[in-house]
Protein backbone atom coordinates (compact mmCIF):
# COMPACT_ATOMS: atom_id res chain seq x y z
CA MET A 1 85.15 84.22 70.14
CA LYS A 2 87.42 82.91 72.90
CA ARG A 3 90.43 84.61 71.31
CA ILE A 4 88.60 87.94 71.23
CA TYR A 5 87.55 87.54 74.87
CA ILE A 6 91.08 86.76 76.00
CA TYR A 7 92.48 89.70 74.05
CA THR A 8 89.91 92.00 75.66
CA LEU A 9 90.90 90.84 79.14
CA ILE A 10 94.57 91.40 78.37
CA SER A 11 93.80 94.88 77.07
CA LEU A 12 91.89 95.75 80.22
CA PHE A 13 94.71 94.59 82.46
CA CYS A 14 97.23 96.58 80.43
CA ILE A 15 95.44 99.89 80.99
CA VAL A 16 95.01 99.49 84.75
CA PRO A 17 97.27 102.09 86.44
CA THR A 18 100.29 100.79 88.30
CA PHE A 19 101.38 101.67 91.84
CA GLY A 20 97.80 101.32 93.20
CA GLN A 21 96.46 104.45 91.57
CA THR A 22 92.74 103.81 91.10
CA PRO A 23 90.51 105.88 93.44
CA THR A 24 89.51 102.89 95.57
CA GLU A 25 93.12 101.68 95.77
CA LEU A 26 94.29 105.13 96.77
CA GLN A 27 91.74 105.25 99.57
CA ALA A 28 92.78 101.77 100.71
CA ASN A 29 96.41 102.94 100.80
CA LEU A 30 95.68 105.73 103.29
CA PRO A 31 97.35 104.90 106.63
CA ASN A 32 95.42 104.81 109.89
CA VAL A 33 96.38 107.70 112.17
CA ALA A 34 95.38 107.76 115.83
CA GLY A 35 92.44 110.09 116.49
CA TRP A 36 91.68 110.67 112.80
CA GLU A 37 88.98 109.04 110.69
CA ILE A 38 89.07 108.44 106.95
CA SER A 39 85.86 109.61 105.30
CA PRO A 40 84.22 106.91 103.15
CA GLU A 41 83.36 109.50 100.50
CA ILE A 42 85.51 109.76 97.38
CA GLU A 43 85.34 112.55 94.81
CA ILE A 44 86.79 111.93 91.35
CA PHE A 45 87.74 114.56 88.78
CA ASN A 46 88.93 114.12 85.20
CA ARG A 47 89.97 116.42 82.37
CA ASP A 48 86.34 117.39 81.76
CA ASN A 49 85.49 118.62 85.25
CA LEU A 50 88.81 119.48 86.93
CA TYR A 51 88.15 123.19 86.25
CA GLY A 52 85.23 122.99 88.66
CA ARG A 53 87.56 122.17 91.54
CA ILE A 54 90.79 124.07 90.85
CA ASN A 55 89.71 126.75 88.36
CA GLY A 56 92.59 128.45 86.54
CA ALA A 57 95.23 125.95 87.72
CA ALA A 58 93.86 123.17 85.49
CA PRO A 59 95.85 124.02 82.29
CA LEU A 60 99.17 123.49 84.08
CA PHE A 61 98.04 120.04 85.18
CA PHE A 62 96.98 119.25 81.61
CA GLU A 63 100.45 120.24 80.37
CA ASN A 64 101.83 117.62 82.75
CA ASN A 65 99.63 114.87 81.28
CA PHE A 66 97.01 114.85 84.05
CA GLN A 67 94.70 111.82 83.98
CA GLU A 68 92.51 111.89 87.08
CA MET A 69 92.26 113.46 90.55
CA THR A 70 90.92 111.65 93.60
CA SER A 71 89.82 113.76 96.58
CA LEU A 72 89.91 112.11 100.01
CA VAL A 73 89.37 113.46 103.53
CA TYR A 74 90.54 112.77 107.09
CA THR A 75 88.44 114.20 109.94
CA LYS A 76 88.98 114.77 113.66
CA GLY A 77 86.16 116.66 115.33
CA ASP A 78 85.89 120.00 113.55
CA ASP A 79 89.30 119.62 111.94
CA TYR A 80 89.90 118.01 108.58
CA ILE A 81 92.72 117.27 106.15
CA THR A 82 91.87 117.17 102.46
CA ILE A 83 93.98 115.04 100.14
CA GLN A 84 94.02 115.66 96.40
CA ALA A 85 95.82 112.82 94.61
CA TYR A 86 96.54 113.74 90.99
CA ARG A 87 97.32 110.80 88.73
CA HIS A 88 99.55 111.60 85.75
CA ALA A 89 100.57 109.56 82.73
CA ALA A 90 104.07 108.82 84.05
CA PRO A 91 106.20 109.40 87.17
CA GLU A 92 108.12 112.14 85.32
CA ASP A 93 104.87 114.06 84.83
CA ALA A 94 103.98 113.86 88.53
CA PHE A 95 107.50 115.01 89.39
CA GLY A 96 107.19 117.88 86.88
CA MET A 97 103.88 118.99 88.39
CA TYR A 98 105.36 118.91 91.87
CA THR A 99 108.36 121.01 90.85
CA SER A 100 106.15 123.52 89.01
CA GLU A 101 104.52 124.35 92.35
CA ARG A 102 107.73 124.20 94.38
CA SER A 103 108.29 127.17 96.70
CA SER A 104 111.42 128.32 98.50
CA ASP A 105 109.20 129.44 101.40
CA MET A 106 108.35 125.85 102.33
CA THR A 107 110.18 123.23 104.38
CA TYR A 108 111.51 120.18 102.54
CA TYR A 109 111.01 116.59 103.69
CA HIS A 110 113.27 114.23 101.77
CA GLU A 111 112.04 111.15 103.64
CA ILE A 112 108.49 111.45 102.21
CA GLY A 113 107.93 109.99 98.73
CA GLY A 114 110.32 111.26 96.11
CA GLU A 115 110.37 114.56 97.99
CA ALA A 116 107.88 116.67 99.92
CA GLN A 117 107.50 120.31 100.87
CA GLY A 118 105.12 121.95 103.28
CA ASP A 119 104.08 124.84 105.49
CA GLU A 120 101.62 125.36 108.36
CA TYR A 121 98.57 124.42 106.33
CA GLY A 122 99.72 122.07 103.61
CA LEU A 123 102.05 119.28 102.54
CA PHE A 124 102.84 118.36 98.93
CA PHE A 125 104.76 115.39 97.52
CA PHE A 126 105.17 113.10 94.52
CA SER A 127 105.30 109.30 94.48
CA GLY A 128 105.08 107.10 91.41
CA SER A 129 102.72 108.74 88.93
CA ILE A 130 100.85 110.57 91.70
CA TYR A 131 101.24 114.19 92.80
CA VAL A 132 99.59 114.75 96.17
CA LYS A 133 98.40 118.02 97.72
CA MET A 134 97.36 117.86 101.37
CA MET A 135 95.63 120.82 103.02
CA ALA A 136 94.36 121.32 106.57
CA ASN A 137 91.61 123.67 107.72
CA ASN A 138 93.54 124.65 110.81
CA GLU A 139 97.09 125.23 111.98
CA SER A 140 98.53 123.32 114.91
CA GLU A 141 101.57 121.21 115.73
CA SER A 142 99.44 118.06 116.09
CA ILE A 143 97.78 118.57 112.68
CA GLY A 144 101.17 119.16 111.09
CA GLN A 145 102.47 115.92 112.61
CA ALA A 146 99.37 114.07 111.40
CA MET A 147 99.90 115.35 107.85
CA GLN A 148 103.50 114.16 107.87
CA GLU A 149 102.47 110.72 109.20
CA ILE A 150 99.76 110.42 106.55
CA ALA A 151 102.05 111.57 103.76
CA LYS A 152 104.89 109.22 104.70
CA GLY A 153 102.63 106.16 104.88
CA PHE A 154 100.60 107.09 101.80
CA ALA A 155 103.66 107.78 99.64
CA ALA A 156 105.29 104.47 100.61
CA LYS A 157 102.16 102.54 99.60
CA ILE A 158 101.96 104.29 96.22
CA ASP A 159 105.64 103.67 95.37
CA ALA A 160 108.12 102.57 98.02
CA ASN A 161 111.03 103.44 95.71
CA ALA A 162 109.89 106.92 94.67
CA GLY A 163 112.62 109.41 93.85
CA TYR A 164 113.89 111.90 91.31
CA PRO A 165 114.05 110.64 87.71
CA SER A 166 117.28 108.65 87.39
CA ILE A 167 118.61 110.89 84.61
CA PHE A 168 119.52 113.48 87.26
CA ASN A 169 122.28 111.12 88.41
CA ALA A 170 124.09 112.16 85.22
CA PHE A 171 123.99 115.88 86.05
CA PRO A 172 127.19 117.41 87.51
CA LYS A 173 126.96 118.02 91.25
CA ALA A 174 129.40 120.93 91.45
CA ASP A 175 127.77 124.38 91.49
CA LEU A 176 124.27 122.88 91.34
CA ILE A 177 121.71 125.19 92.97
CA PRO A 178 119.72 123.08 95.49
CA ASN A 179 116.07 122.22 94.88
CA THR A 180 116.03 123.30 91.23
CA ASN A 181 115.79 119.93 89.47
CA SER A 182 112.66 119.90 87.32
CA TYR A 183 110.95 118.41 84.28
CA ILE A 184 109.21 120.13 81.36
CA SER A 185 106.91 117.91 79.29
CA SER A 186 106.71 120.35 76.35
CA ASN A 187 107.27 123.91 75.16
CA TYR A 188 110.65 124.44 76.78
CA ILE A 189 111.83 128.08 76.40
CA GLY A 190 108.83 128.72 74.17
CA HIS A 191 109.50 125.97 71.60
CA GLU A 192 106.88 123.23 71.38
CA PHE A 193 109.37 120.84 69.74
CA LEU A 194 111.78 120.95 72.69
CA LYS A 195 110.39 118.08 74.77
CA PRO A 196 110.69 116.39 77.13
CA VAL A 197 113.38 118.29 79.03
CA PHE A 198 115.04 117.73 82.41
CA ILE A 199 116.49 120.91 83.91
CA SER A 200 118.61 122.14 86.81
CA ASP A 201 119.95 125.56 87.75
CA TYR A 202 123.67 126.14 88.20
CA THR A 203 126.06 128.90 89.09
CA PHE A 204 128.48 129.07 86.17
CA ALA A 205 131.23 131.68 85.73
CA GLY A 206 129.66 133.62 88.59
CA LYS A 207 126.21 133.79 87.00
CA LYS A 208 123.03 131.78 87.23
CA MET A 209 122.14 129.58 84.29
CA GLN A 210 119.91 126.63 83.50
CA ALA A 211 121.27 123.34 82.18
CA PHE A 212 118.93 121.02 80.33
CA VAL A 213 118.88 117.51 78.93
CA LEU A 214 116.40 116.55 76.24
CA ASP A 215 115.93 112.79 76.02
CA ALA A 216 114.74 112.10 72.46
CA LYS A 217 114.85 108.30 73.06
CA THR A 218 116.72 107.69 69.77
CA LYS A 219 119.57 109.33 67.88
CA GLU A 220 117.28 109.82 64.89
CA ASN A 221 114.71 111.68 66.97
CA ALA A 222 117.40 113.91 68.43
CA LYS A 223 118.61 114.80 64.94
CA GLU A 224 115.06 115.60 63.83
CA ILE A 225 114.56 117.93 66.79
CA LEU A 226 117.82 119.68 66.00
CA ASN A 227 116.81 119.94 62.34
CA THR A 228 113.60 121.65 63.43
CA TYR A 229 115.51 124.02 65.71
CA PHE A 230 118.08 124.92 63.05
CA ASN A 231 115.29 125.50 60.53
CA PHE A 232 113.69 127.88 63.02
CA THR A 233 116.93 129.78 63.49
CA LYS A 234 117.68 129.75 59.73
CA GLN A 235 121.08 128.14 60.32
CA LYS A 236 122.80 125.55 58.17
CA GLU A 237 121.59 122.04 58.97
CA ASP A 238 124.70 120.01 58.05
CA PHE A 239 125.71 119.40 61.68
CA VAL A 240 127.17 116.31 63.33
CA GLU A 241 127.24 114.96 66.86
CA GLY A 242 129.26 117.06 69.27
CA ASN A 243 129.36 120.73 70.18
CA LEU A 244 126.75 123.03 68.63
CA MET A 245 125.71 126.67 68.90
CA ILE A 246 122.05 127.46 68.28
CA LYS A 247 121.42 131.13 67.54
CA ASP A 248 117.92 131.57 68.92
CA ARG A 249 116.62 135.07 68.22
CA TYR A 250 114.24 134.89 71.17
CA ASN A 251 116.42 133.18 73.77
CA GLY A 252 119.95 134.22 72.83
CA ASN A 253 122.72 131.83 71.89
CA ILE A 254 122.12 128.30 73.17
CA PRO A 255 125.30 126.21 73.48
CA ALA A 256 124.47 122.52 73.13
CA VAL A 257 126.03 119.10 72.79
CA TRP A 258 124.40 116.38 70.71
CA LYS A 259 125.24 112.96 72.18
CA GLY A 260 123.23 110.10 70.69
CA GLN A 261 119.65 110.30 71.92
CA TYR A 262 120.45 113.28 74.15
CA ILE A 263 120.68 117.01 73.55
CA ILE A 264 122.48 118.72 76.42
CA GLY A 265 122.36 122.50 76.56
CA ALA A 266 122.49 125.68 78.59
CA PHE A 267 120.21 128.69 78.76
CA ASN A 268 120.09 131.93 80.70
CA ASP A 269 117.17 134.34 80.61
CA SER A 270 119.48 137.35 80.37
CA GLY A 271 120.46 136.39 76.83
CA ASN A 272 124.16 136.81 77.63
CA ASP A 273 126.71 134.69 75.76
CA PHE A 274 128.47 131.86 77.56
CA PRO A 275 132.26 131.54 77.86
CA ASN A 276 133.92 128.76 75.84
CA GLU A 277 134.27 126.67 79.01
CA ILE A 278 130.55 125.92 78.79
CA TYR A 279 131.26 123.03 76.44
CA GLU A 280 133.54 121.38 78.97
CA PHE A 281 130.68 121.59 81.45
CA LEU A 282 128.08 120.22 79.02
CA ASN A 283 130.33 117.35 78.03
CA SER A 284 130.74 116.39 81.69
CA PHE A 285 127.17 115.07 81.85
CA GLU A 286 127.52 111.29 82.28
CA LEU A 287 125.09 110.18 79.59
């Protein structure tokens, strides 16, 4: 009986979220801001009732392995700031959710969490496995400053070392289009088997394209994914590591490089072919 009890305790500790992500821990991590009060009320939403709060946006959160959302509120007189803290299965998922709602119309704040963006009424950032959406009921300079102060302190408590997934360090820096790094948990370019994928946009040969890296974790998994892709395209499957050309009837020709556990490729939505120099670019990824 003692062995069973100990095992149960270990199991419970193993499933507790890291980075202080339980609803009560998240509330405790909110920083004190002069003039603002933290409401004691906490609302919690899961996969069963998230639709009731965000309606049609829920499926996108589910695609990014959403686990739970904690809603918290700051108040100051008639003004309030609502915080929605979405907990995902992994930091990559929170990053992917953040980038899926990224907007070029917003201002970027690289000193908040892994990255933040905002406008007059809202501020959005990722930190650890949490994606946070902050929204104010009113627009003013003081409210905007309060949101930034809250976000900076809150993000640091969730994960003081938050940042982009480290795999982006391997991406070439030349001709990278700013603020386009992203993460797709599944269904990249319409194929469910292409997952997970890290992507960035580049200017290559005078045209915009998207470079991607699929981390299959093992060489065997990478080969199996490529086998599935080549079966789909009805191409011969006797390929080896190195340069490949996947003739995708829906997405055009996809130049790719198979390197161990990684599949590195390029895609453009125009369907145009790439010049031969594309392989030099794909082989420059430091993986």
